[in-house]
Amino acid sequence: MKPPAGAFVHRPDSFSYLEDIMLRHFTLPAIACVTAVSAWAANPHFIFANGSIDNDGALVVNFKEAGLGNSTERSYLLTASATAIYQCFNNGNQRPHGQPFQVTDQNLTATGDYSSGLNGQVTASLEAGPPAASPTEAAQKCLSGGNRKLCLREVTYTSAILEGGYTVPEGQIQTYDDRTDVNIRENTLQFPTPTRQNPNPDNCQSSL
């Protein structure tokens, strides 16, 4: 005769009474908990992705992604489309080549790897840009004359996208399971021209 369903059955040949109790009250709930955590971890999503332009003209994106599970490795890809305006100056801070020239629609990228830690989240930042002046003809002409510098006058980021995916072993193709548009607070930044007091600001370069 079989015992009623759920009834405690003492099996002296394989389990002690204490082992049976531990199996019922600790092991099975633990398995259920692990299953629940695994289901929760399969839901990566960005909480925010905010971008701003720093003093060097680079787009800096601060972001937070959740639903990752504990201590998992994540890889991120930032792609941005940008334009920039450059101007040639001599040491007297004049403009020897007239009108500024524009670098248009450069596609910039940045990558980074981070661990989610014990809270199943990643809070980090990536930086891309600014668009480079090289190797345009106008840039080369400017710097080939000697005693000249090429200065970034304005940069604009027209769009940016952030993607995240679980890190794959080296040699395998990285894929991404989470994606969001970056919220760029102010997408255009203008830079000062060189002056006698500050003839070589950070937005200027003397070589390509």
Protein backbone atom coordinates (compact mmCIF):
# COMPACT_ATOMS: atom_id res chain seq x y z
CA MET A 1 0.00 0.00 0.00
CA LYS A 2 1.40 3.40 -1.03
CA PRO A 3 1.53 6.19 1.58
CA PRO A 4 -0.62 9.31 1.00
CA ALA A 5 0.88 12.00 -1.27
CA GLY A 6 3.15 14.35 0.65
CA ALA A 7 3.50 12.03 3.63
CA PHE A 8 6.92 11.74 5.24
CA VAL A 9 8.55 8.42 4.50
CA HIS A 10 11.49 7.40 6.63
CA ARG A 11 14.09 5.49 4.62
CA PRO A 12 16.68 4.28 7.09
CA ASP A 13 18.61 2.56 4.32
CA SER A 14 19.42 5.80 2.46
CA PHE A 15 18.46 8.93 4.46
CA SER A 16 18.52 9.84 8.08
CA TYR A 17 15.59 11.69 9.53
CA LEU A 18 17.66 14.91 9.63
CA GLU A 19 18.74 14.52 5.99
CA ASP A 20 15.12 14.09 4.91
CA ILE A 21 14.10 17.22 6.77
CA MET A 22 16.95 19.21 5.18
CA LEU A 23 15.96 17.99 1.73
CA ARG A 24 12.37 19.13 2.17
CA HIS A 25 12.94 22.46 3.87
CA PHE A 26 16.22 23.75 2.42
CA THR A 27 17.27 22.06 -0.82
CA LEU A 28 13.99 22.29 -2.73
CA PRO A 29 13.32 25.96 -1.82
CA ALA A 30 16.91 26.75 -2.82
CA ILE A 31 16.38 25.18 -6.24
CA ALA A 32 13.20 27.22 -6.69
CA CYS A 33 15.08 30.37 -5.72
CA VAL A 34 17.87 29.71 -8.24
CA THR A 35 15.27 29.14 -10.94
CA ALA A 36 13.59 32.44 -10.12
CA VAL A 37 16.90 34.31 -10.18
CA SER A 38 17.77 32.79 -13.56
CA ALA A 39 14.46 33.93 -15.00
CA TRP A 40 14.98 37.43 -13.61
CA ALA A 41 18.52 37.62 -15.00
CA ALA A 42 17.31 37.03 -18.55
CA ASN A 43 15.90 40.56 -18.82
CA PRO A 44 18.70 43.06 -19.60
CA HIS A 45 17.39 46.61 -19.99
CA PHE A 46 18.87 50.10 -19.86
CA ILE A 47 17.62 52.34 -17.07
CA PHE A 48 19.19 55.41 -18.69
CA ALA A 49 21.84 56.45 -21.24
CA ASN A 50 22.63 60.17 -21.11
CA GLY A 51 25.21 61.93 -23.26
CA SER A 52 27.06 65.23 -22.99
CA ILE A 53 29.99 66.86 -24.80
CA ASP A 54 33.12 67.44 -22.74
CA ASN A 55 35.69 70.22 -23.10
CA ASP A 56 37.69 68.18 -25.62
CA GLY A 57 34.68 67.75 -27.90
CA ALA A 58 34.13 64.07 -27.05
CA LEU A 59 30.70 62.58 -26.45
CA VAL A 60 30.59 61.09 -22.94
CA VAL A 61 27.71 58.69 -22.30
CA ASN A 62 26.80 57.76 -18.72
CA PHE A 63 24.52 54.74 -18.50
CA LYS A 64 22.94 52.16 -16.24
CA GLU A 65 21.79 48.68 -17.25
CA ALA A 66 19.86 46.28 -15.00
CA GLY A 67 18.43 42.75 -15.08
CA LEU A 68 21.82 41.14 -15.66
CA GLY A 69 22.27 38.61 -12.86
CA ASN A 70 25.08 38.69 -10.33
CA SER A 71 28.73 39.01 -11.39
CA THR A 72 28.14 38.68 -15.11
CA GLU A 73 30.46 40.21 -17.71
CA ARG A 74 28.88 42.67 -20.16
CA SER A 75 30.32 44.27 -23.29
CA TYR A 76 29.07 47.62 -24.56
CA LEU A 77 29.22 49.34 -27.95
CA LEU A 78 28.60 53.06 -28.41
CA THR A 79 28.09 54.34 -31.96
CA ALA A 80 27.63 58.02 -32.77
CA SER A 81 27.28 60.16 -35.86
CA ALA A 82 28.96 63.56 -35.69
CA THR A 83 30.16 66.58 -37.65
CA ALA A 84 32.88 69.05 -36.75
CA ILE A 85 34.11 72.44 -37.93
CA TYR A 86 37.86 73.16 -37.92
CA GLN A 87 39.74 76.40 -38.54
CA CYS A 88 43.39 77.07 -39.36
CA PHE A 89 45.27 79.68 -37.31
CA ASN A 90 48.82 80.98 -37.45
CA ASN A 91 50.84 81.99 -34.40
CA GLY A 92 49.41 85.49 -34.63
CA ASN A 93 45.97 83.93 -34.15
CA GLN A 94 44.86 85.06 -37.60
CA ARG A 95 42.97 82.89 -40.10
CA PRO A 96 45.35 82.35 -43.04
CA HIS A 97 43.04 80.07 -45.03
CA GLY A 98 39.79 82.00 -44.85
CA GLN A 99 36.66 80.01 -44.22
CA PRO A 100 36.48 77.15 -41.71
CA PHE A 101 36.07 73.66 -43.15
CA GLN A 102 33.72 70.95 -42.05
CA VAL A 103 34.23 67.26 -41.32
CA THR A 104 30.85 65.69 -42.00
CA ASP A 105 29.05 62.57 -40.87
CA GLN A 106 31.84 60.71 -39.16
CA ASN A 107 30.76 57.45 -37.54
CA LEU A 108 32.46 57.13 -34.17
CA THR A 109 32.59 54.07 -31.93
CA ALA A 110 33.69 53.18 -28.41
CA THR A 111 33.61 49.87 -26.53
CA GLY A 112 33.96 48.78 -22.92
CA ASP A 113 33.64 45.67 -20.73
CA TYR A 114 32.17 45.77 -17.22
CA SER A 115 31.00 43.36 -14.51
CA SER A 116 27.53 43.56 -12.99
CA GLY A 117 28.81 42.85 -9.46
CA LEU A 118 26.37 41.48 -6.88
CA ASN A 119 23.39 43.70 -7.70
CA GLY A 120 22.81 42.61 -11.30
CA GLN A 121 23.49 46.11 -12.63
CA VAL A 122 26.20 48.03 -14.46
CA THR A 123 26.68 51.78 -14.02
CA ALA A 124 29.48 53.10 -16.22
CA SER A 125 30.42 55.48 -19.03
CA LEU A 126 31.85 55.39 -22.55
CA GLU A 127 33.52 58.16 -24.55
CA ALA A 128 33.69 58.64 -28.33
CA GLY A 129 35.09 61.42 -30.53
CA PRO A 130 35.57 64.15 -31.36
CA PRO A 131 35.55 63.78 -35.17
CA ALA A 132 39.09 63.95 -36.48
CA ALA A 133 40.26 66.54 -39.00
CA SER A 134 42.72 64.11 -40.61
CA PRO A 135 43.29 63.39 -43.45
CA THR A 136 41.35 66.13 -45.23
CA GLU A 137 43.14 68.23 -47.83
CA ALA A 138 42.38 71.46 -45.98
CA ALA A 139 43.88 70.10 -42.74
CA GLN A 140 47.04 68.95 -44.46
CA LYS A 141 47.40 72.28 -46.26
CA CYS A 142 46.99 74.16 -42.98
CA LEU A 143 49.67 72.28 -41.06
CA SER A 144 52.14 72.01 -43.93
CA GLY A 145 52.76 75.78 -43.86
CA GLY A 146 54.62 75.82 -40.54
CA ASN A 147 53.81 77.86 -37.44
CA ARG A 148 50.15 77.00 -37.83
CA LYS A 149 47.63 75.14 -35.76
CA LEU A 150 44.32 73.48 -36.48
CA CYS A 151 41.56 74.27 -34.02
CA LEU A 152 38.22 72.58 -33.41
CA ARG A 153 35.61 75.32 -33.53
CA GLU A 154 32.36 73.37 -33.25
CA VAL A 155 31.18 69.79 -32.87
CA THR A 156 27.68 68.36 -33.28
CA TYR A 157 26.47 64.85 -32.47
CA THR A 158 23.38 64.06 -34.54
CA SER A 159 22.64 60.62 -33.05
CA ALA A 160 24.05 57.99 -30.71
CA ILE A 161 23.10 54.41 -29.88
CA LEU A 162 24.27 52.24 -26.98
CA GLU A 163 24.18 48.43 -27.10
CA GLY A 164 24.97 45.80 -24.47
CA GLY A 165 25.58 42.05 -24.58
CA TYR A 166 27.08 39.25 -22.51
CA THR A 167 30.83 39.11 -23.11
CA VAL A 168 31.94 36.25 -25.36
CA PRO A 169 35.34 34.50 -25.35
CA GLU A 170 38.12 36.04 -27.39
CA GLY A 171 37.89 35.09 -31.05
CA GLN A 172 34.10 34.81 -31.08
CA ILE A 173 31.77 37.40 -32.59
CA GLN A 174 30.29 39.73 -29.98
CA THR A 175 26.51 40.02 -30.12
CA TYR A 176 24.19 42.41 -28.26
CA ASP A 177 20.78 41.78 -26.67
CA ASP A 178 20.00 45.27 -25.38
CA ARG A 179 19.86 48.59 -27.26
CA THR A 180 18.81 52.15 -26.54
CA ASP A 181 19.04 55.62 -28.04
CA VAL A 182 21.33 57.97 -26.13
CA ASN A 183 19.69 61.10 -24.73
CA ILE A 184 22.15 63.88 -25.64
CA ARG A 185 21.46 66.90 -23.46
CA GLU A 186 23.01 69.51 -25.79
CA ASN A 187 24.20 68.06 -29.07
CA THR A 188 26.33 71.04 -30.21
CA LEU A 189 29.31 72.68 -28.50
CA GLN A 190 31.33 75.66 -29.71
CA PHE A 191 34.95 76.26 -28.76
CA PRO A 192 36.90 79.49 -28.23
CA THR A 193 39.48 80.74 -30.73
CA PRO A 194 43.13 81.12 -29.73
CA THR A 195 43.99 84.41 -28.05
CA ARG A 196 47.17 86.17 -27.01
CA GLN A 197 46.47 85.15 -23.42
CA ASN A 198 45.74 81.54 -24.44
CA PRO A 199 47.42 80.88 -27.82
CA ASN A 200 47.24 77.08 -27.61
CA PRO A 201 43.89 75.96 -26.16
CA ASP A 202 43.16 72.25 -25.77
CA ASN A 203 40.95 72.26 -28.89
CA CYS A 204 43.95 73.04 -31.15
CA GLN A 205 46.61 70.76 -32.63
CA SER A 206 49.88 71.38 -34.45
CA SER A 207 50.08 68.02 -36.25
CA LEU A 208 47.76 65.37 -37.65
